[in-house]
Amino acid sequence: MIRPSKILMLLSLSLFTIPFCGVADMSPVPVVESVLLNQFPTQPAALARTSESLFQEYEETGNVSSLIFYSYGVLKQASYFSSVNDLIKASEFAKTGFFYLDEAVDSNEKDLRIRYMRARLDAYLTAELGRCVITISDTKLLLENKEKFSRGIVEHIKKMHVIALQNCKMHDQSSLSLIQKDGRKPGVKVTADEAPLWSVEEVTQIMLPLVKGD
């Protein structure tokens, strides 16, 4: 069972605070766009309705951004249930959220942007949740294809890779060089509180193309 403190770390993730630049034409995924504009609702019933609407939108459009945001919404529901000490529902919703986040990647293996979206969430979770192994795999693949991303995005991928290596206590020579380049020393803990806000670069290069189905 996932402890409340671990679930509540999700609340501090900057993943849910995204500067939205807007979509030129009518959005093919209006529920996702609404979340980007207004953030997820904080009231539990409204959050549940939004999450269900996101899943319905995914079923109707097949747009993977709806599935990704559905997983985010479910994880926020897990945070809520943890905050009211309903640990059974918190654990169930957390498992469901991560399942659909992984499903989004598994169903779109060649789309590196979706792996970036997963790494962006997983990298800043507490080590005890055990997602660091997935993040190492995702960021390694992203770095192997770094020519497809801007310099700023690549630097953030390196940072997420370093965080995952630290959380998994994997400090080989190659990871050491990345840690030193990133300005951190081996053994320094990185917490979810350090998750940065989404940059305009991330939104325009990763988020919006997925929303528009590009």
C-alpha atoms as a PDB file:
ATOM      1  CA  MET A   1       0.000   0.000   0.000  1.00  0.00           C
ATOM      2  CA  ILE A   2       1.257   3.484  -0.841  1.00  0.00           C
ATOM      3  CA  ARG A   3       1.618   5.721   2.213  1.00  0.00           C
ATOM      4  CA  PRO A   4      -0.170   9.096   2.377  1.00  0.00           C
ATOM      5  CA  SER A   5       3.088  11.050   2.359  1.00  0.00           C
ATOM      6  CA  LYS A   6       4.082   9.432  -0.916  1.00  0.00           C
ATOM      7  CA  ILE A   7       0.771  10.099  -2.614  1.00  0.00           C
ATOM      8  CA  LEU A   8       0.653  13.672  -1.348  1.00  0.00           C
ATOM      9  CA  MET A   9       3.978  14.372  -3.036  1.00  0.00           C
ATOM     10  CA  LEU A  10       1.980  14.331  -6.269  1.00  0.00           C
ATOM     11  CA  LEU A  11       0.237  17.515  -5.180  1.00  0.00           C
ATOM     12  CA  SER A  12       3.466  19.485  -5.347  1.00  0.00           C
ATOM     13  CA  LEU A  13       4.285  18.429  -8.891  1.00  0.00           C
ATOM     14  CA  SER A  14       4.558  21.344 -11.258  1.00  0.00           C
ATOM     15  CA  LEU A  15       3.093  19.037 -13.887  1.00  0.00           C
ATOM     16  CA  PHE A  16      -0.294  20.442 -13.000  1.00  0.00           C
ATOM     17  CA  THR A  17       0.804  24.083 -13.346  1.00  0.00           C
ATOM     18  CA  ILE A  18       1.441  24.578 -17.034  1.00  0.00           C
ATOM     19  CA  PRO A  19       1.679  27.914 -18.857  1.00  0.00           C
ATOM     20  CA  PHE A  20      -0.783  27.496 -21.710  1.00  0.00           C
ATOM     21  CA  CYS A  21       0.010  29.284 -24.970  1.00  0.00           C
ATOM     22  CA  GLY A  22      -3.280  28.498 -26.686  1.00  0.00           C
ATOM     23  CA  VAL A  23      -4.176  26.644 -29.862  1.00  0.00           C
ATOM     24  CA  ALA A  24      -4.712  28.626 -33.041  1.00  0.00           C
ATOM     25  CA  ASP A  25      -7.646  26.582 -34.307  1.00  0.00           C
ATOM     26  CA  MET A  26     -10.466  24.865 -32.465  1.00  0.00           C
ATOM     27  CA  SER A  27      -8.939  22.211 -30.246  1.00  0.00           C
ATOM     28  CA  PRO A  28      -9.607  18.570 -31.164  1.00  0.00           C
ATOM     29  CA  VAL A  29      -9.501  17.829 -27.428  1.00  0.00           C
ATOM     30  CA  PRO A  30     -11.527  20.545 -25.649  1.00  0.00           C
ATOM     31  CA  VAL A  31     -11.365  18.843 -22.239  1.00  0.00           C
ATOM     32  CA  VAL A  32      -7.563  18.775 -22.330  1.00  0.00           C
ATOM     33  CA  GLU A  33      -7.530  22.399 -23.442  1.00  0.00           C
ATOM     34  CA  SER A  34      -9.849  23.301 -20.560  1.00  0.00           C
ATOM     35  CA  VAL A  35      -7.440  21.695 -18.087  1.00  0.00           C
ATOM     36  CA  LEU A  36      -4.525  23.534 -19.640  1.00  0.00           C
ATOM     37  CA  LEU A  37      -6.369  26.829 -19.362  1.00  0.00           C
ATOM     38  CA  ASN A  38      -7.924  26.371 -15.927  1.00  0.00           C
ATOM     39  CA  GLN A  39      -5.914  23.565 -14.271  1.00  0.00           C
ATOM     40  CA  PHE A  40      -7.591  20.515 -12.719  1.00  0.00           C
ATOM     41  CA  PRO A  41     -10.525  21.253 -10.398  1.00  0.00           C
ATOM     42  CA  THR A  42      -9.712  21.065  -6.697  1.00  0.00           C
ATOM     43  CA  GLN A  43     -13.203  20.026  -5.639  1.00  0.00           C
ATOM     44  CA  PRO A  44     -13.285  16.174  -5.531  1.00  0.00           C
ATOM     45  CA  ALA A  45     -16.549  15.671  -7.432  1.00  0.00           C
ATOM     46  CA  ALA A  46     -15.530  18.129 -10.161  1.00  0.00           C
ATOM     47  CA  LEU A  47     -12.110  16.476 -10.397  1.00  0.00           C
ATOM     48  CA  ALA A  48     -13.755  13.077 -10.835  1.00  0.00           C
ATOM     49  CA  ARG A  49     -16.048  14.434 -13.572  1.00  0.00           C
ATOM     50  CA  THR A  50     -13.140  16.049 -15.395  1.00  0.00           C
ATOM     51  CA  SER A  51     -11.113  12.848 -15.219  1.00  0.00           C
ATOM     52  CA  GLU A  52     -13.989  10.803 -16.621  1.00  0.00           C
ATOM     53  CA  SER A  53     -14.526  13.369 -19.369  1.00  0.00           C
ATOM     54  CA  LEU A  54     -10.860  13.074 -20.316  1.00  0.00           C
ATOM     55  CA  PHE A  55     -11.159   9.305 -20.645  1.00  0.00           C
ATOM     56  CA  GLN A  56     -14.348   9.655 -22.706  1.00  0.00           C
ATOM     57  CA  GLU A  57     -12.566  12.190 -24.894  1.00  0.00           C
ATOM     58  CA  TYR A  58      -9.728   9.710 -25.440  1.00  0.00           C
ATOM     59  CA  GLU A  59     -12.183   6.966 -26.407  1.00  0.00           C
ATOM     60  CA  GLU A  60     -13.925   9.293 -28.869  1.00  0.00           C
ATOM     61  CA  THR A  61     -10.856  10.924 -30.447  1.00  0.00           C
ATOM     62  CA  GLY A  62      -7.985   8.514 -29.851  1.00  0.00           C
ATOM     63  CA  ASN A  63      -5.835  11.555 -29.016  1.00  0.00           C
ATOM     64  CA  VAL A  64      -3.161  10.345 -26.616  1.00  0.00           C
ATOM     65  CA  SER A  65      -2.983  13.689 -24.816  1.00  0.00           C
ATOM     66  CA  SER A  66      -6.454  12.968 -23.392  1.00  0.00           C
ATOM     67  CA  LEU A  67      -5.216   9.642 -22.028  1.00  0.00           C
ATOM     68  CA  ILE A  68      -2.136  11.268 -20.508  1.00  0.00           C
ATOM     69  CA  PHE A  69      -4.207  13.937 -18.811  1.00  0.00           C
ATOM     70  CA  TYR A  70      -6.690  11.310 -17.663  1.00  0.00           C
ATOM     71  CA  SER A  71      -3.830   9.555 -15.881  1.00  0.00           C
ATOM     72  CA  TYR A  72      -2.802  12.862 -14.311  1.00  0.00           C
ATOM     73  CA  GLY A  73      -6.375  13.422 -13.114  1.00  0.00           C
ATOM     74  CA  VAL A  74      -6.582   9.970 -11.587  1.00  0.00           C
ATOM     75  CA  LEU A  75      -3.295  10.549  -9.773  1.00  0.00           C
ATOM     76  CA  LYS A  76      -4.691  13.792  -8.380  1.00  0.00           C
ATOM     77  CA  GLN A  77      -7.709  11.831  -7.169  1.00  0.00           C
ATOM     78  CA  ALA A  78      -5.304   9.443  -5.458  1.00  0.00           C
ATOM     79  CA  SER A  79      -3.760  12.455  -3.726  1.00  0.00           C
ATOM     80  CA  TYR A  80      -7.177  13.559  -2.510  1.00  0.00           C
ATOM     81  CA  PHE A  81      -8.101  10.150  -1.087  1.00  0.00           C
ATOM     82  CA  SER A  82      -4.749  10.012   0.651  1.00  0.00           C
ATOM     83  CA  SER A  83      -5.385  13.440   2.199  1.00  0.00           C
ATOM     84  CA  VAL A  84      -8.629  12.167   3.760  1.00  0.00           C
ATOM     85  CA  ASN A  85      -6.874   8.985   4.911  1.00  0.00           C
ATOM     86  CA  ASP A  86      -8.755   6.653   2.547  1.00  0.00           C
ATOM     87  CA  LEU A  87      -5.674   4.585   1.833  1.00  0.00           C
ATOM     88  CA  ILE A  88      -7.432   1.828  -0.069  1.00  0.00           C
ATOM     89  CA  LYS A  89      -8.864   4.215  -2.659  1.00  0.00           C
ATOM     90  CA  ALA A  90      -5.612   6.195  -2.717  1.00  0.00           C
ATOM     91  CA  SER A  91      -3.679   3.064  -3.606  1.00  0.00           C
ATOM     92  CA  GLU A  92      -6.238   1.953  -6.194  1.00  0.00           C
ATOM     93  CA  PHE A  93      -6.303   5.330  -7.936  1.00  0.00           C
ATOM     94  CA  ALA A  94      -2.503   5.605  -7.905  1.00  0.00           C
ATOM     95  CA  LYS A  95      -2.166   2.194  -9.555  1.00  0.00           C
ATOM     96  CA  THR A  96      -4.795   3.124 -12.139  1.00  0.00           C
ATOM     97  CA  GLY A  97      -3.130   6.448 -12.900  1.00  0.00           C
ATOM     98  CA  PHE A  98       0.281   4.915 -13.446  1.00  0.00           C
ATOM     99  CA  PHE A  99      -1.244   2.067 -15.473  1.00  0.00           C
ATOM    100  CA  TYR A 100      -2.777   4.460 -17.996  1.00  0.00           C
ATOM    101  CA  LEU A 101       0.322   6.644 -18.089  1.00  0.00           C
ATOM    102  CA  ASP A 102       2.340   3.557 -18.991  1.00  0.00           C
ATOM    103  CA  GLU A 103      -0.362   2.494 -21.454  1.00  0.00           C
ATOM    104  CA  ALA A 104      -0.007   5.838 -23.249  1.00  0.00           C
ATOM    105  CA  VAL A 105       3.694   5.141 -23.773  1.00  0.00           C
ATOM    106  CA  ASP A 106       3.304   1.462 -24.636  1.00  0.00           C
ATOM    107  CA  SER A 107       0.671   2.269 -27.265  1.00  0.00           C
ATOM    108  CA  ASN A 108       2.893   4.929 -28.841  1.00  0.00           C
ATOM    109  CA  GLU A 109       6.389   3.515 -28.428  1.00  0.00           C
ATOM    110  CA  LYS A 110       7.928   5.561 -31.224  1.00  0.00           C
ATOM    111  CA  ASP A 111       6.614   8.910 -30.000  1.00  0.00           C
ATOM    112  CA  LEU A 112       9.412  10.319 -27.864  1.00  0.00           C
ATOM    113  CA  ARG A 113       7.269  13.234 -26.714  1.00  0.00           C
ATOM    114  CA  ILE A 114       5.032  10.857 -24.756  1.00  0.00           C
ATOM    115  CA  ARG A 115       8.055   9.326 -23.072  1.00  0.00           C
ATOM    116  CA  TYR A 116       9.103  12.845 -22.154  1.00  0.00           C
ATOM    117  CA  MET A 117       5.674  13.439 -20.604  1.00  0.00           C
ATOM    118  CA  ARG A 118       6.035  10.291 -18.501  1.00  0.00           C
ATOM    119  CA  ALA A 119       9.578  11.112 -17.464  1.00  0.00           C
ATOM    120  CA  ARG A 120       8.489  14.642 -16.547  1.00  0.00           C
ATOM    121  CA  LEU A 121       6.089  13.183 -13.990  1.00  0.00           C
ATOM    122  CA  ASP A 122       8.110  10.215 -12.757  1.00  0.00           C
ATOM    123  CA  ALA A 123      11.429  12.017 -12.311  1.00  0.00           C
ATOM    124  CA  TYR A 124      10.123  14.202  -9.499  1.00  0.00           C
ATOM    125  CA  LEU A 125       8.316  11.520  -7.517  1.00  0.00           C
ATOM    126  CA  THR A 126       9.765  10.162  -4.294  1.00  0.00           C
ATOM    127  CA  ALA A 127      12.210   7.297  -4.779  1.00  0.00           C
ATOM    128  CA  GLU A 128      10.029   4.944  -2.710  1.00  0.00           C
ATOM    129  CA  LEU A 129       7.401   4.848  -5.440  1.00  0.00           C
ATOM    130  CA  GLY A 130       9.871   2.890  -7.558  1.00  0.00           C
ATOM    131  CA  ARG A 131       9.401   4.811 -10.812  1.00  0.00           C
ATOM    132  CA  CYS A 132      13.083   5.706 -11.145  1.00  0.00           C
ATOM    133  CA  VAL A 133      13.862   2.573 -13.192  1.00  0.00           C
ATOM    134  CA  ILE A 134      11.250   3.599 -15.763  1.00  0.00           C
ATOM    135  CA  THR A 135      12.619   7.142 -15.810  1.00  0.00           C
ATOM    136  CA  ILE A 136      16.159   5.914 -16.418  1.00  0.00           C
ATOM    137  CA  SER A 137      14.945   3.899 -19.406  1.00  0.00           C
ATOM    138  CA  ASP A 138      12.886   6.774 -20.804  1.00  0.00           C
ATOM    139  CA  THR A 139      15.563   9.439 -20.413  1.00  0.00           C
ATOM    140  CA  LYS A 140      18.264   7.158 -21.816  1.00  0.00           C
ATOM    141  CA  LEU A 141      16.192   6.658 -24.962  1.00  0.00           C
ATOM    142  CA  LEU A 142      15.490  10.391 -25.169  1.00  0.00           C
ATOM    143  CA  LEU A 143      19.196  11.197 -24.869  1.00  0.00           C
ATOM    144  CA  GLU A 144      19.993   8.674 -27.586  1.00  0.00           C
ATOM    145  CA  ASN A 145      17.734  10.770 -29.814  1.00  0.00           C
ATOM    146  CA  LYS A 146      18.736  14.186 -28.495  1.00  0.00           C
ATOM    147  CA  GLU A 147      19.089  15.619 -32.007  1.00  0.00           C
ATOM    148  CA  LYS A 148      15.289  15.675 -32.160  1.00  0.00           C
ATOM    149  CA  PHE A 149      15.022  18.118 -29.274  1.00  0.00           C
ATOM    150  CA  SER A 150      16.151  21.662 -28.614  1.00  0.00           C
ATOM    151  CA  ARG A 151      19.134  22.333 -26.368  1.00  0.00           C
ATOM    152  CA  GLY A 152      16.920  23.422 -23.476  1.00  0.00           C
ATOM    153  CA  ILE A 153      14.850  20.253 -23.642  1.00  0.00           C
ATOM    154  CA  VAL A 154      17.993  18.106 -23.791  1.00  0.00           C
ATOM    155  CA  GLU A 155      19.394  19.773 -20.687  1.00  0.00           C
ATOM    156  CA  HIS A 156      16.199  18.999 -18.809  1.00  0.00           C
ATOM    157  CA  ILE A 157      16.282  15.388 -19.992  1.00  0.00           C
ATOM    158  CA  LYS A 158      19.825  15.122 -18.601  1.00  0.00           C
ATOM    159  CA  LYS A 159      18.636  16.534 -15.287  1.00  0.00           C
ATOM    160  CA  MET A 160      15.765  14.035 -15.079  1.00  0.00           C
ATOM    161  CA  HIS A 161      18.191  11.230 -15.930  1.00  0.00           C
ATOM    162  CA  VAL A 162      20.469  12.319 -13.096  1.00  0.00           C
ATOM    163  CA  ILE A 163      17.583  12.477 -10.623  1.00  0.00           C
ATOM    164  CA  ALA A 164      16.451   8.976 -11.586  1.00  0.00           C
ATOM    165  CA  LEU A 165      19.976   7.592 -11.214  1.00  0.00           C
ATOM    166  CA  GLN A 166      20.205   9.138  -7.768  1.00  0.00           C
ATOM    167  CA  ASN A 167      16.826   7.771  -6.714  1.00  0.00           C
ATOM    168  CA  CYS A 168      17.810   4.283  -7.896  1.00  0.00           C
ATOM    169  CA  LYS A 169      21.256   4.665  -6.270  1.00  0.00           C
ATOM    170  CA  MET A 170      22.985   3.969  -9.583  1.00  0.00           C
ATOM    171  CA  HIS A 171      26.191   5.988  -9.710  1.00  0.00           C
ATOM    172  CA  ASP A 172      28.412   4.412 -12.344  1.00  0.00           C
ATOM    173  CA  GLN A 173      31.085   6.382 -14.209  1.00  0.00           C
ATOM    174  CA  SER A 174      28.766   7.513 -16.985  1.00  0.00           C
ATOM    175  CA  SER A 175      26.153   8.755 -14.542  1.00  0.00           C
ATOM    176  CA  LEU A 176      28.848  10.506 -12.514  1.00  0.00           C
ATOM    177  CA  SER A 177      29.846  12.592 -15.513  1.00  0.00           C
ATOM    178  CA  LEU A 178      26.239  13.640 -16.036  1.00  0.00           C
ATOM    179  CA  ILE A 179      25.844  14.518 -12.362  1.00  0.00           C
ATOM    180  CA  GLN A 180      28.982  16.646 -12.381  1.00  0.00           C
ATOM    181  CA  LYS A 181      27.893  18.422 -15.575  1.00  0.00           C
ATOM    182  CA  ASP A 182      24.528  19.106 -14.005  1.00  0.00           C
ATOM    183  CA  GLY A 183      26.231  20.716 -11.013  1.00  0.00           C
ATOM    184  CA  ARG A 184      25.170  18.099  -8.480  1.00  0.00           C
ATOM    185  CA  LYS A 185      27.194  15.671  -6.438  1.00  0.00           C
ATOM    186  CA  PRO A 186      26.416  11.952  -6.105  1.00  0.00           C
ATOM    187  CA  GLY A 187      24.185  11.206  -3.142  1.00  0.00           C
ATOM    188  CA  VAL A 188      22.413  14.558  -3.121  1.00  0.00           C
ATOM    189  CA  LYS A 189      18.691  13.933  -2.777  1.00  0.00           C
ATOM    190  CA  VAL A 190      16.319  15.624  -5.190  1.00  0.00           C
ATOM    191  CA  THR A 191      12.703  15.883  -4.051  1.00  0.00           C
ATOM    192  CA  ALA A 192       9.421  16.502  -5.830  1.00  0.00           C
ATOM    193  CA  ASP A 193       9.419  20.013  -4.359  1.00  0.00           C
ATOM    194  CA  GLU A 194      12.206  20.856  -6.799  1.00  0.00           C
ATOM    195  CA  ALA A 195      10.128  20.068  -9.871  1.00  0.00           C
ATOM    196  CA  PRO A 196      10.284  23.192 -12.054  1.00  0.00           C
ATOM    197  CA  LEU A 197       7.337  24.796 -13.762  1.00  0.00           C
ATOM    198  CA  TRP A 198       6.788  23.706 -17.337  1.00  0.00           C
ATOM    199  CA  SER A 199       8.724  26.034 -19.606  1.00  0.00           C
ATOM    200  CA  VAL A 200       7.298  27.651 -22.726  1.00  0.00           C
ATOM    201  CA  GLU A 201       9.799  25.537 -24.659  1.00  0.00           C
ATOM    202  CA  GLU A 202       8.339  22.343 -23.215  1.00  0.00           C
ATOM    203  CA  VAL A 203       4.794  23.475 -23.890  1.00  0.00           C
ATOM    204  CA  THR A 204       5.417  24.480 -27.510  1.00  0.00           C
ATOM    205  CA  GLN A 205       7.667  21.535 -28.448  1.00  0.00           C
ATOM    206  CA  ILE A 206       6.117  18.711 -26.418  1.00  0.00           C
ATOM    207  CA  MET A 207       2.671  19.540 -25.098  1.00  0.00           C
ATOM    208  CA  LEU A 208       0.891  21.491 -27.836  1.00  0.00           C
ATOM    209  CA  PRO A 209       1.905  19.219 -30.750  1.00  0.00           C
ATOM    210  CA  LEU A 210       0.402  16.271 -28.844  1.00  0.00           C
ATOM    211  CA  VAL A 211      -2.772  18.218 -28.091  1.00  0.00           C
ATOM    212  CA  LYS A 212      -3.134  19.178 -31.769  1.00  0.00           C
ATOM    213  CA  GLY A 213      -2.378  15.604 -32.869  1.00  0.00           C
ATOM    214  CA  ASP A 214       0.728  16.589 -34.836  1.00  0.00           C
END
